N, C-alpha and C. Protein backbone atom coordinates (compact mmCIF):
# COMPACT_ATOMS: atom_id res chain seq x y z
N MET A 1 13.70 -80.61 -103.78
CA MET A 1 13.87 -81.26 -102.51
C MET A 1 13.02 -82.52 -102.48
N GLY A 2 13.54 -83.50 -101.80
CA GLY A 2 12.81 -84.77 -101.70
C GLY A 2 11.75 -84.70 -100.62
N ARG A 3 10.92 -85.68 -100.66
CA ARG A 3 9.81 -85.75 -99.72
C ARG A 3 10.29 -85.89 -98.28
N ASN A 4 11.41 -86.54 -98.04
CA ASN A 4 11.88 -86.81 -96.69
C ASN A 4 12.53 -85.61 -96.01
N THR A 5 12.93 -84.60 -96.77
CA THR A 5 13.60 -83.47 -96.16
C THR A 5 12.69 -82.26 -95.99
N ALA A 6 11.49 -82.27 -96.54
CA ALA A 6 10.58 -81.13 -96.41
C ALA A 6 10.05 -81.06 -94.98
N LYS A 7 9.98 -79.84 -94.49
CA LYS A 7 9.48 -79.66 -93.11
C LYS A 7 7.97 -79.63 -93.11
N HIS A 8 7.39 -80.18 -92.13
CA HIS A 8 5.95 -80.19 -91.92
C HIS A 8 5.59 -78.94 -91.12
N GLU A 9 4.33 -78.55 -91.09
CA GLU A 9 3.88 -77.35 -90.38
C GLU A 9 4.24 -77.40 -88.90
N SER A 10 4.23 -78.55 -88.29
CA SER A 10 4.49 -78.65 -86.87
C SER A 10 5.98 -78.58 -86.55
N GLY A 11 6.83 -78.55 -87.58
CA GLY A 11 8.26 -78.48 -87.34
C GLY A 11 8.90 -79.86 -87.37
N ASN A 12 8.12 -80.90 -87.43
CA ASN A 12 8.66 -82.26 -87.48
C ASN A 12 8.85 -82.68 -88.93
N LEU A 13 9.77 -83.56 -89.13
CA LEU A 13 9.94 -84.11 -90.47
C LEU A 13 8.82 -85.10 -90.73
N PRO A 14 8.26 -85.11 -91.95
CA PRO A 14 7.17 -86.04 -92.23
C PRO A 14 7.60 -87.49 -92.12
N CYS A 15 8.91 -87.75 -92.30
CA CYS A 15 9.37 -89.13 -92.22
C CYS A 15 9.39 -89.64 -90.79
N MET A 16 9.30 -88.70 -89.85
CA MET A 16 9.28 -89.11 -88.47
C MET A 16 7.92 -89.72 -88.19
N GLY A 17 7.93 -90.96 -87.83
CA GLY A 17 6.68 -91.67 -87.64
C GLY A 17 5.98 -91.26 -86.36
N ARG A 18 4.78 -91.77 -86.23
CA ARG A 18 4.00 -91.49 -85.03
C ARG A 18 4.71 -91.93 -83.78
N PHE A 19 5.32 -93.10 -83.86
CA PHE A 19 6.01 -93.64 -82.71
C PHE A 19 7.16 -92.71 -82.29
N ALA A 20 7.94 -92.23 -83.25
CA ALA A 20 9.07 -91.35 -82.96
C ALA A 20 8.58 -90.04 -82.36
N ARG A 21 7.47 -89.51 -82.88
CA ARG A 21 6.93 -88.27 -82.31
C ARG A 21 6.46 -88.48 -80.87
N LYS A 22 5.86 -89.63 -80.58
CA LYS A 22 5.41 -89.92 -79.22
C LYS A 22 6.61 -90.09 -78.29
N VAL A 23 7.65 -90.73 -78.78
CA VAL A 23 8.86 -90.88 -77.97
C VAL A 23 9.46 -89.51 -77.66
N LYS A 24 9.53 -88.66 -78.71
CA LYS A 24 10.08 -87.32 -78.51
C LYS A 24 9.24 -86.55 -77.49
N LYS A 25 7.92 -86.61 -77.62
CA LYS A 25 7.03 -85.94 -76.69
C LYS A 25 7.19 -86.49 -75.27
N GLY A 26 7.32 -87.81 -75.15
CA GLY A 26 7.52 -88.45 -73.85
C GLY A 26 8.84 -88.03 -73.22
N LEU A 27 9.90 -87.93 -74.04
CA LEU A 27 11.20 -87.49 -73.53
C LEU A 27 11.15 -86.05 -73.05
N LEU A 28 10.44 -85.21 -73.79
CA LEU A 28 10.29 -83.82 -73.36
C LEU A 28 9.53 -83.74 -72.04
N THR A 29 8.50 -84.57 -71.89
CA THR A 29 7.73 -84.59 -70.65
C THR A 29 8.61 -85.06 -69.49
N ILE A 30 9.39 -86.12 -69.72
CA ILE A 30 10.30 -86.62 -68.68
C ILE A 30 11.30 -85.54 -68.31
N ASN A 31 11.82 -84.82 -69.31
CA ASN A 31 12.78 -83.75 -69.06
C ASN A 31 12.15 -82.66 -68.19
N ARG A 32 10.92 -82.27 -68.49
CA ARG A 32 10.23 -81.26 -67.69
C ARG A 32 10.01 -81.73 -66.26
N VAL A 33 9.60 -82.98 -66.10
CA VAL A 33 9.35 -83.54 -64.77
C VAL A 33 10.65 -83.58 -63.97
N LEU A 34 11.73 -84.06 -64.59
CA LEU A 34 13.01 -84.12 -63.89
C LEU A 34 13.51 -82.73 -63.54
N SER A 35 13.35 -81.80 -64.48
CA SER A 35 13.79 -80.43 -64.21
C SER A 35 13.03 -79.84 -63.04
N SER A 36 11.72 -80.02 -63.02
CA SER A 36 10.94 -79.46 -61.91
C SER A 36 11.27 -80.17 -60.61
N PHE A 37 11.56 -81.48 -60.67
CA PHE A 37 11.96 -82.22 -59.47
C PHE A 37 13.28 -81.68 -58.93
N ILE A 38 14.24 -81.47 -59.80
CA ILE A 38 15.55 -80.97 -59.39
C ILE A 38 15.42 -79.58 -58.80
N VAL A 39 14.63 -78.72 -59.45
CA VAL A 39 14.42 -77.37 -58.94
C VAL A 39 13.74 -77.43 -57.57
N ARG A 40 12.72 -78.28 -57.45
CA ARG A 40 12.00 -78.40 -56.18
C ARG A 40 12.93 -78.90 -55.07
N GLU A 41 13.73 -79.93 -55.37
CA GLU A 41 14.66 -80.46 -54.36
C GLU A 41 15.71 -79.42 -53.98
N THR A 42 16.17 -78.65 -54.95
CA THR A 42 17.15 -77.59 -54.66
C THR A 42 16.53 -76.54 -53.76
N LEU A 43 15.29 -76.16 -54.04
CA LEU A 43 14.60 -75.18 -53.20
C LEU A 43 14.38 -75.72 -51.79
N ILE A 44 14.06 -77.00 -51.68
CA ILE A 44 13.87 -77.60 -50.36
C ILE A 44 15.18 -77.58 -49.58
N LEU A 45 16.28 -77.95 -50.24
CA LEU A 45 17.58 -77.91 -49.57
C LEU A 45 17.94 -76.49 -49.16
N PHE A 46 17.65 -75.53 -50.03
CA PHE A 46 17.92 -74.13 -49.71
C PHE A 46 17.10 -73.70 -48.50
N GLU A 47 15.83 -74.10 -48.45
CA GLU A 47 14.96 -73.74 -47.33
C GLU A 47 15.44 -74.39 -46.04
N VAL A 48 15.91 -75.64 -46.11
CA VAL A 48 16.44 -76.32 -44.92
C VAL A 48 17.66 -75.58 -44.41
N GLU A 49 18.56 -75.19 -45.31
CA GLU A 49 19.76 -74.44 -44.92
C GLU A 49 19.37 -73.08 -44.35
N ARG A 50 18.38 -72.44 -44.94
CA ARG A 50 17.92 -71.14 -44.45
C ARG A 50 17.33 -71.26 -43.05
N ARG A 51 16.54 -72.31 -42.82
CA ARG A 51 15.97 -72.53 -41.49
C ARG A 51 17.06 -72.82 -40.47
N ARG A 52 18.05 -73.62 -40.86
CA ARG A 52 19.14 -73.94 -39.94
C ARG A 52 19.87 -72.67 -39.51
N ARG A 53 20.17 -71.81 -40.48
CA ARG A 53 20.83 -70.55 -40.16
C ARG A 53 19.95 -69.66 -39.29
N THR A 54 18.66 -69.67 -39.57
CA THR A 54 17.73 -68.87 -38.78
C THR A 54 17.72 -69.34 -37.33
N TYR A 55 17.64 -70.65 -37.12
CA TYR A 55 17.63 -71.17 -35.75
C TYR A 55 18.94 -70.86 -35.03
N ILE A 56 20.05 -70.97 -35.73
CA ILE A 56 21.34 -70.64 -35.13
C ILE A 56 21.37 -69.17 -34.72
N LEU A 57 20.95 -68.29 -35.64
CA LEU A 57 20.96 -66.86 -35.34
C LEU A 57 20.00 -66.51 -34.22
N LEU A 58 18.82 -67.11 -34.24
CA LEU A 58 17.84 -66.85 -33.19
C LEU A 58 18.38 -67.30 -31.83
N THR A 59 18.98 -68.47 -31.79
CA THR A 59 19.56 -68.97 -30.55
C THR A 59 20.68 -68.07 -30.05
N LEU A 60 21.58 -67.70 -30.96
CA LEU A 60 22.68 -66.81 -30.58
C LEU A 60 22.16 -65.46 -30.07
N SER A 61 21.15 -64.94 -30.74
CA SER A 61 20.59 -63.64 -30.37
C SER A 61 19.95 -63.69 -28.98
N VAL A 62 19.19 -64.73 -28.71
CA VAL A 62 18.53 -64.86 -27.41
C VAL A 62 19.57 -65.08 -26.31
N VAL A 63 20.55 -65.94 -26.56
CA VAL A 63 21.58 -66.19 -25.56
C VAL A 63 22.36 -64.91 -25.29
N TRP A 64 22.67 -64.16 -26.35
CA TRP A 64 23.41 -62.91 -26.16
C TRP A 64 22.58 -61.90 -25.38
N ALA A 65 21.28 -61.83 -25.64
CA ALA A 65 20.40 -60.92 -24.89
C ALA A 65 20.37 -61.29 -23.42
N VAL A 66 20.37 -62.58 -23.12
CA VAL A 66 20.38 -63.02 -21.72
C VAL A 66 21.71 -62.66 -21.07
N ILE A 67 22.81 -62.84 -21.80
CA ILE A 67 24.12 -62.47 -21.27
C ILE A 67 24.17 -60.97 -20.96
N ILE A 68 23.66 -60.16 -21.88
CA ILE A 68 23.61 -58.71 -21.65
C ILE A 68 22.80 -58.41 -20.40
N PHE A 69 21.64 -59.03 -20.28
CA PHE A 69 20.77 -58.77 -19.13
C PHE A 69 21.47 -59.14 -17.82
N VAL A 70 22.08 -60.32 -17.79
CA VAL A 70 22.74 -60.79 -16.57
C VAL A 70 23.89 -59.86 -16.20
N LEU A 71 24.72 -59.50 -17.17
CA LEU A 71 25.87 -58.65 -16.87
C LEU A 71 25.45 -57.24 -16.47
N CYS A 72 24.38 -56.74 -17.08
CA CYS A 72 23.95 -55.38 -16.77
C CYS A 72 23.17 -55.27 -15.47
N THR A 73 22.71 -56.39 -14.94
CA THR A 73 21.94 -56.35 -13.70
C THR A 73 22.70 -56.92 -12.51
N MET A 74 23.92 -57.37 -12.73
CA MET A 74 24.74 -57.86 -11.61
C MET A 74 25.12 -56.69 -10.72
N PRO A 75 25.30 -56.95 -9.46
CA PRO A 75 25.81 -55.88 -8.57
C PRO A 75 27.19 -55.42 -9.05
N SER A 76 27.44 -54.16 -8.88
CA SER A 76 28.71 -53.59 -9.32
C SER A 76 29.90 -54.28 -8.67
N SER A 77 29.71 -54.77 -7.46
CA SER A 77 30.81 -55.43 -6.76
C SER A 77 31.17 -56.77 -7.40
N GLY A 78 30.24 -57.36 -8.13
CA GLY A 78 30.49 -58.66 -8.77
C GLY A 78 31.19 -58.55 -10.11
N LEU A 79 31.36 -57.33 -10.61
CA LEU A 79 31.99 -57.12 -11.91
C LEU A 79 33.47 -56.79 -11.73
N PRO A 80 34.31 -57.21 -12.67
CA PRO A 80 35.73 -56.88 -12.56
C PRO A 80 35.94 -55.37 -12.74
N GLN A 81 36.84 -54.82 -11.95
CA GLN A 81 37.15 -53.39 -12.03
C GLN A 81 38.36 -53.20 -12.93
N LEU A 82 38.18 -52.47 -14.00
CA LEU A 82 39.27 -52.18 -14.93
C LEU A 82 39.71 -50.73 -14.75
N ASN A 83 40.97 -50.49 -14.97
CA ASN A 83 41.49 -49.13 -14.84
C ASN A 83 41.44 -48.40 -16.18
N ILE A 84 40.45 -48.70 -16.96
CA ILE A 84 40.27 -48.04 -18.25
C ILE A 84 39.13 -47.04 -18.09
N PRO A 85 39.36 -45.77 -18.47
CA PRO A 85 38.28 -44.79 -18.34
C PRO A 85 37.07 -45.19 -19.19
N HIS A 86 35.91 -45.09 -18.61
CA HIS A 86 34.63 -45.37 -19.28
C HIS A 86 34.55 -46.80 -19.82
N SER A 87 35.15 -47.73 -19.11
CA SER A 87 35.13 -49.13 -19.57
C SER A 87 33.71 -49.69 -19.61
N ASP A 88 32.84 -49.21 -18.72
CA ASP A 88 31.46 -49.69 -18.76
C ASP A 88 30.74 -49.24 -20.02
N LYS A 89 31.06 -48.04 -20.51
CA LYS A 89 30.44 -47.54 -21.76
C LYS A 89 30.95 -48.36 -22.96
N ILE A 90 32.23 -48.69 -22.92
CA ILE A 90 32.81 -49.52 -23.99
C ILE A 90 32.15 -50.90 -23.99
N ALA A 91 31.92 -51.44 -22.80
CA ALA A 91 31.26 -52.75 -22.69
C ALA A 91 29.83 -52.68 -23.22
N HIS A 92 29.10 -51.64 -22.83
CA HIS A 92 27.73 -51.47 -23.35
C HIS A 92 27.74 -51.37 -24.87
N PHE A 93 28.65 -50.57 -25.40
CA PHE A 93 28.78 -50.40 -26.85
C PHE A 93 29.02 -51.76 -27.52
N GLY A 94 29.97 -52.53 -27.00
CA GLY A 94 30.30 -53.83 -27.58
C GLY A 94 29.17 -54.84 -27.48
N PHE A 95 28.51 -54.87 -26.32
CA PHE A 95 27.38 -55.80 -26.14
C PHE A 95 26.30 -55.55 -27.19
N PHE A 96 25.93 -54.30 -27.35
CA PHE A 96 24.83 -53.98 -28.25
C PHE A 96 25.25 -53.99 -29.72
N LEU A 97 26.52 -53.80 -29.99
CA LEU A 97 27.02 -53.96 -31.36
C LEU A 97 26.80 -55.41 -31.81
N VAL A 98 27.19 -56.36 -30.98
CA VAL A 98 27.02 -57.78 -31.32
C VAL A 98 25.52 -58.13 -31.40
N GLN A 99 24.75 -57.67 -30.42
CA GLN A 99 23.31 -57.97 -30.42
C GLN A 99 22.62 -57.43 -31.67
N SER A 100 22.95 -56.23 -32.05
CA SER A 100 22.33 -55.62 -33.22
C SER A 100 22.77 -56.30 -34.51
N ALA A 101 24.02 -56.72 -34.60
CA ALA A 101 24.49 -57.45 -35.78
C ALA A 101 23.75 -58.78 -35.90
N LEU A 102 23.57 -59.48 -34.79
CA LEU A 102 22.83 -60.75 -34.82
C LEU A 102 21.38 -60.54 -35.23
N LEU A 103 20.75 -59.52 -34.67
CA LEU A 103 19.36 -59.22 -35.01
C LEU A 103 19.24 -58.82 -36.48
N SER A 104 20.17 -58.04 -36.97
CA SER A 104 20.14 -57.62 -38.38
C SER A 104 20.29 -58.81 -39.32
N LEU A 105 21.19 -59.73 -38.98
CA LEU A 105 21.33 -60.95 -39.78
C LEU A 105 20.04 -61.77 -39.77
N LEU A 106 19.44 -61.88 -38.61
CA LEU A 106 18.19 -62.62 -38.49
C LEU A 106 17.10 -61.98 -39.34
N LEU A 107 16.97 -60.67 -39.27
CA LEU A 107 15.97 -59.97 -40.09
C LEU A 107 16.28 -60.13 -41.57
N ASN A 108 17.54 -60.13 -41.92
CA ASN A 108 17.93 -60.29 -43.32
C ASN A 108 17.55 -61.68 -43.84
N PHE A 109 17.75 -62.72 -43.03
CA PHE A 109 17.44 -64.08 -43.47
C PHE A 109 15.95 -64.37 -43.50
N ARG A 110 15.18 -63.77 -42.61
CA ARG A 110 13.77 -64.13 -42.50
C ARG A 110 12.80 -63.14 -43.13
N THR A 111 13.27 -61.98 -43.53
CA THR A 111 12.36 -61.00 -44.13
C THR A 111 12.97 -60.48 -45.43
N ARG A 112 12.21 -59.69 -46.12
CA ARG A 112 12.70 -59.05 -47.34
C ARG A 112 12.79 -57.54 -47.13
N MET A 113 13.17 -57.16 -45.92
CA MET A 113 13.26 -55.74 -45.60
C MET A 113 14.48 -55.12 -46.27
N SER A 114 14.37 -53.83 -46.50
CA SER A 114 15.50 -53.10 -47.07
C SER A 114 16.58 -52.91 -46.01
N TYR A 115 17.77 -52.56 -46.48
CA TYR A 115 18.90 -52.31 -45.58
C TYR A 115 18.55 -51.21 -44.58
N ALA A 116 17.95 -50.14 -45.06
CA ALA A 116 17.60 -49.01 -44.19
C ALA A 116 16.61 -49.42 -43.10
N ARG A 117 15.63 -50.22 -43.46
CA ARG A 117 14.63 -50.65 -42.49
C ARG A 117 15.25 -51.59 -41.44
N ILE A 118 16.14 -52.48 -41.89
CA ILE A 118 16.81 -53.39 -40.96
C ILE A 118 17.66 -52.59 -39.97
N VAL A 119 18.41 -51.60 -40.49
CA VAL A 119 19.23 -50.76 -39.62
C VAL A 119 18.35 -50.01 -38.63
N PHE A 120 17.25 -49.46 -39.10
CA PHE A 120 16.34 -48.72 -38.22
C PHE A 120 15.78 -49.62 -37.12
N LEU A 121 15.26 -50.80 -37.50
CA LEU A 121 14.64 -51.69 -36.50
C LEU A 121 15.67 -52.22 -35.50
N SER A 122 16.85 -52.56 -35.97
CA SER A 122 17.88 -53.07 -35.06
C SER A 122 18.33 -51.99 -34.08
N THR A 123 18.47 -50.76 -34.57
CA THR A 123 18.85 -49.66 -33.70
C THR A 123 17.72 -49.35 -32.71
N LEU A 124 16.49 -49.39 -33.17
CA LEU A 124 15.35 -49.18 -32.29
C LEU A 124 15.29 -50.25 -31.20
N MET A 125 15.56 -51.49 -31.56
CA MET A 125 15.57 -52.56 -30.57
C MET A 125 16.68 -52.35 -29.55
N ALA A 126 17.83 -51.87 -30.01
CA ALA A 126 18.93 -51.57 -29.07
C ALA A 126 18.49 -50.47 -28.10
N PHE A 127 17.81 -49.47 -28.61
CA PHE A 127 17.31 -48.38 -27.76
C PHE A 127 16.30 -48.90 -26.74
N VAL A 128 15.34 -49.68 -27.20
CA VAL A 128 14.29 -50.18 -26.31
C VAL A 128 14.87 -51.13 -25.26
N TYR A 129 15.69 -52.08 -25.70
CA TYR A 129 16.25 -53.05 -24.76
C TYR A 129 17.22 -52.37 -23.79
N GLY A 130 18.07 -51.49 -24.31
CA GLY A 130 18.99 -50.75 -23.45
C GLY A 130 18.25 -49.88 -22.45
N GLY A 131 17.20 -49.19 -22.91
CA GLY A 131 16.40 -48.36 -22.01
C GLY A 131 15.70 -49.20 -20.95
N PHE A 132 15.19 -50.35 -21.35
CA PHE A 132 14.54 -51.26 -20.42
C PHE A 132 15.52 -51.71 -19.33
N ILE A 133 16.72 -52.06 -19.74
CA ILE A 133 17.72 -52.49 -18.76
C ILE A 133 18.10 -51.34 -17.82
N GLU A 134 18.24 -50.14 -18.36
CA GLU A 134 18.60 -48.99 -17.51
C GLU A 134 17.49 -48.70 -16.50
N ILE A 135 16.24 -48.81 -16.90
CA ILE A 135 15.12 -48.60 -15.98
C ILE A 135 15.10 -49.69 -14.92
N LEU A 136 15.33 -50.96 -15.33
CA LEU A 136 15.36 -52.05 -14.35
C LEU A 136 16.49 -51.89 -13.35
N GLN A 137 17.62 -51.38 -13.81
CA GLN A 137 18.75 -51.18 -12.89
C GLN A 137 18.37 -50.22 -11.77
N VAL A 138 17.67 -49.17 -12.12
CA VAL A 138 17.29 -48.17 -11.12
C VAL A 138 16.21 -48.72 -10.19
N CYS A 139 15.21 -49.36 -10.76
CA CYS A 139 14.04 -49.76 -9.98
C CYS A 139 14.24 -51.04 -9.17
N PHE A 140 14.98 -52.01 -9.69
CA PHE A 140 15.00 -53.32 -9.06
C PHE A 140 16.37 -53.83 -8.63
N PHE A 141 17.43 -53.37 -9.23
CA PHE A 141 18.72 -54.02 -9.01
C PHE A 141 19.71 -53.17 -8.23
N ASN A 142 19.24 -52.13 -7.60
CA ASN A 142 20.08 -51.33 -6.73
C ASN A 142 21.36 -50.85 -7.44
N ARG A 143 21.17 -50.48 -8.69
CA ARG A 143 22.27 -49.93 -9.48
C ARG A 143 21.79 -48.61 -10.07
N THR A 144 22.71 -47.86 -10.62
CA THR A 144 22.32 -46.58 -11.22
C THR A 144 22.18 -46.76 -12.73
N GLY A 145 21.07 -46.31 -13.24
CA GLY A 145 20.90 -46.27 -14.69
C GLY A 145 21.44 -44.96 -15.20
N GLU A 146 22.20 -45.01 -16.28
CA GLU A 146 22.82 -43.80 -16.79
C GLU A 146 22.42 -43.54 -18.23
N LEU A 147 22.21 -42.27 -18.51
CA LEU A 147 21.89 -41.88 -19.88
C LEU A 147 23.04 -42.22 -20.83
N TYR A 148 24.27 -42.07 -20.37
CA TYR A 148 25.42 -42.36 -21.23
C TYR A 148 25.53 -43.85 -21.55
N ASP A 149 25.06 -44.70 -20.65
CA ASP A 149 25.00 -46.14 -20.96
C ASP A 149 24.01 -46.38 -22.10
N LEU A 150 22.87 -45.72 -22.03
CA LEU A 150 21.87 -45.86 -23.09
C LEU A 150 22.40 -45.33 -24.42
N ILE A 151 23.12 -44.22 -24.38
CA ILE A 151 23.71 -43.68 -25.61
C ILE A 151 24.73 -44.67 -26.18
N ALA A 152 25.54 -45.28 -25.32
CA ALA A 152 26.50 -46.29 -25.78
C ALA A 152 25.77 -47.49 -26.37
N ASP A 153 24.65 -47.89 -25.75
CA ASP A 153 23.85 -49.00 -26.27
C ASP A 153 23.36 -48.69 -27.69
N VAL A 154 22.80 -47.50 -27.86
CA VAL A 154 22.24 -47.11 -29.16
C VAL A 154 23.34 -46.97 -30.21
N LEU A 155 24.45 -46.38 -29.86
CA LEU A 155 25.55 -46.24 -30.82
C LEU A 155 26.12 -47.60 -31.22
N GLY A 156 26.26 -48.50 -30.23
CA GLY A 156 26.70 -49.87 -30.54
C GLY A 156 25.69 -50.58 -31.44
N GLY A 157 24.40 -50.39 -31.13
CA GLY A 157 23.35 -50.98 -31.96
C GLY A 157 23.36 -50.45 -33.37
N LEU A 158 23.55 -49.15 -33.50
CA LEU A 158 23.60 -48.53 -34.83
C LEU A 158 24.79 -49.05 -35.64
N LEU A 159 25.96 -49.09 -35.03
CA LEU A 159 27.14 -49.58 -35.75
C LEU A 159 27.00 -51.06 -36.10
N GLY A 160 26.48 -51.85 -35.18
CA GLY A 160 26.27 -53.27 -35.46
C GLY A 160 25.29 -53.49 -36.59
N ALA A 161 24.23 -52.69 -36.62
CA ALA A 161 23.24 -52.81 -37.70
C ALA A 161 23.82 -52.35 -39.03
N MET A 162 24.60 -51.29 -38.99
CA MET A 162 25.18 -50.79 -40.25
C MET A 162 26.27 -51.72 -40.78
N ALA A 163 26.91 -52.46 -39.90
CA ALA A 163 27.99 -53.36 -40.32
C ALA A 163 27.51 -54.75 -40.68
N TYR A 164 26.20 -55.00 -40.59
CA TYR A 164 25.74 -56.37 -40.82
C TYR A 164 26.02 -56.89 -42.22
N PRO A 165 26.09 -56.08 -43.30
CA PRO A 165 26.45 -56.67 -44.60
C PRO A 165 27.85 -57.30 -44.59
N VAL A 166 28.77 -56.72 -43.85
CA VAL A 166 30.12 -57.30 -43.75
C VAL A 166 30.03 -58.63 -42.99
N VAL A 167 29.28 -58.63 -41.90
CA VAL A 167 29.10 -59.85 -41.12
C VAL A 167 28.37 -60.90 -41.97
N LEU A 168 27.44 -60.46 -42.79
CA LEU A 168 26.70 -61.38 -43.66
C LEU A 168 27.63 -62.09 -44.62
N ARG A 169 28.57 -61.36 -45.21
CA ARG A 169 29.54 -61.99 -46.11
C ARG A 169 30.37 -63.03 -45.37
N LEU A 170 30.77 -62.73 -44.17
CA LEU A 170 31.53 -63.70 -43.37
C LEU A 170 30.67 -64.90 -43.00
N PHE A 171 29.41 -64.61 -42.66
CA PHE A 171 28.48 -65.68 -42.25
C PHE A 171 28.16 -66.60 -43.43
N GLN A 172 28.07 -66.06 -44.63
CA GLN A 172 27.76 -66.87 -45.81
C GLN A 172 28.93 -67.79 -46.16
N LYS A 173 30.15 -67.37 -45.88
CA LYS A 173 31.30 -68.25 -46.12
C LYS A 173 31.29 -69.41 -45.15
N TRP A 174 30.73 -69.18 -43.97
CA TRP A 174 30.66 -70.21 -42.95
C TRP A 174 29.64 -71.23 -43.36
């Protein structure tokens, strides 16, 4: 073998001059810097998108909680009367299903909790908020608080929390 084709200990060809080695080293450094810049910018964009989704979910969740509160504390005479048996229980179930799904999505985006923990916390929040509203109805709003309303709240919260992975897939497409 000739002198120009023998490999040196460092892996470089001996014919590669000092200048060429410095250029190669400089190019590798530039490549590392650009790669880290691209990764950093991608992470920043991801964080901006994550924050945007978080603010949207937080806003939707708070607005929905206010809607639930207003509708559950209105006088019975101000609500439309439907000829559907147990329509108020169906309404409670639906209200808390949506609330729990929103809360579960929010917890999923902002924490690293497991599915089971998210379901538990969302259902617990449905229980606490539903119970709070039922107590307020009795004490302050001249309405009757019912145990079956609270059960409908908790069941809606549980189903909404358990269904959040499906909602998450839909939300990610959005």
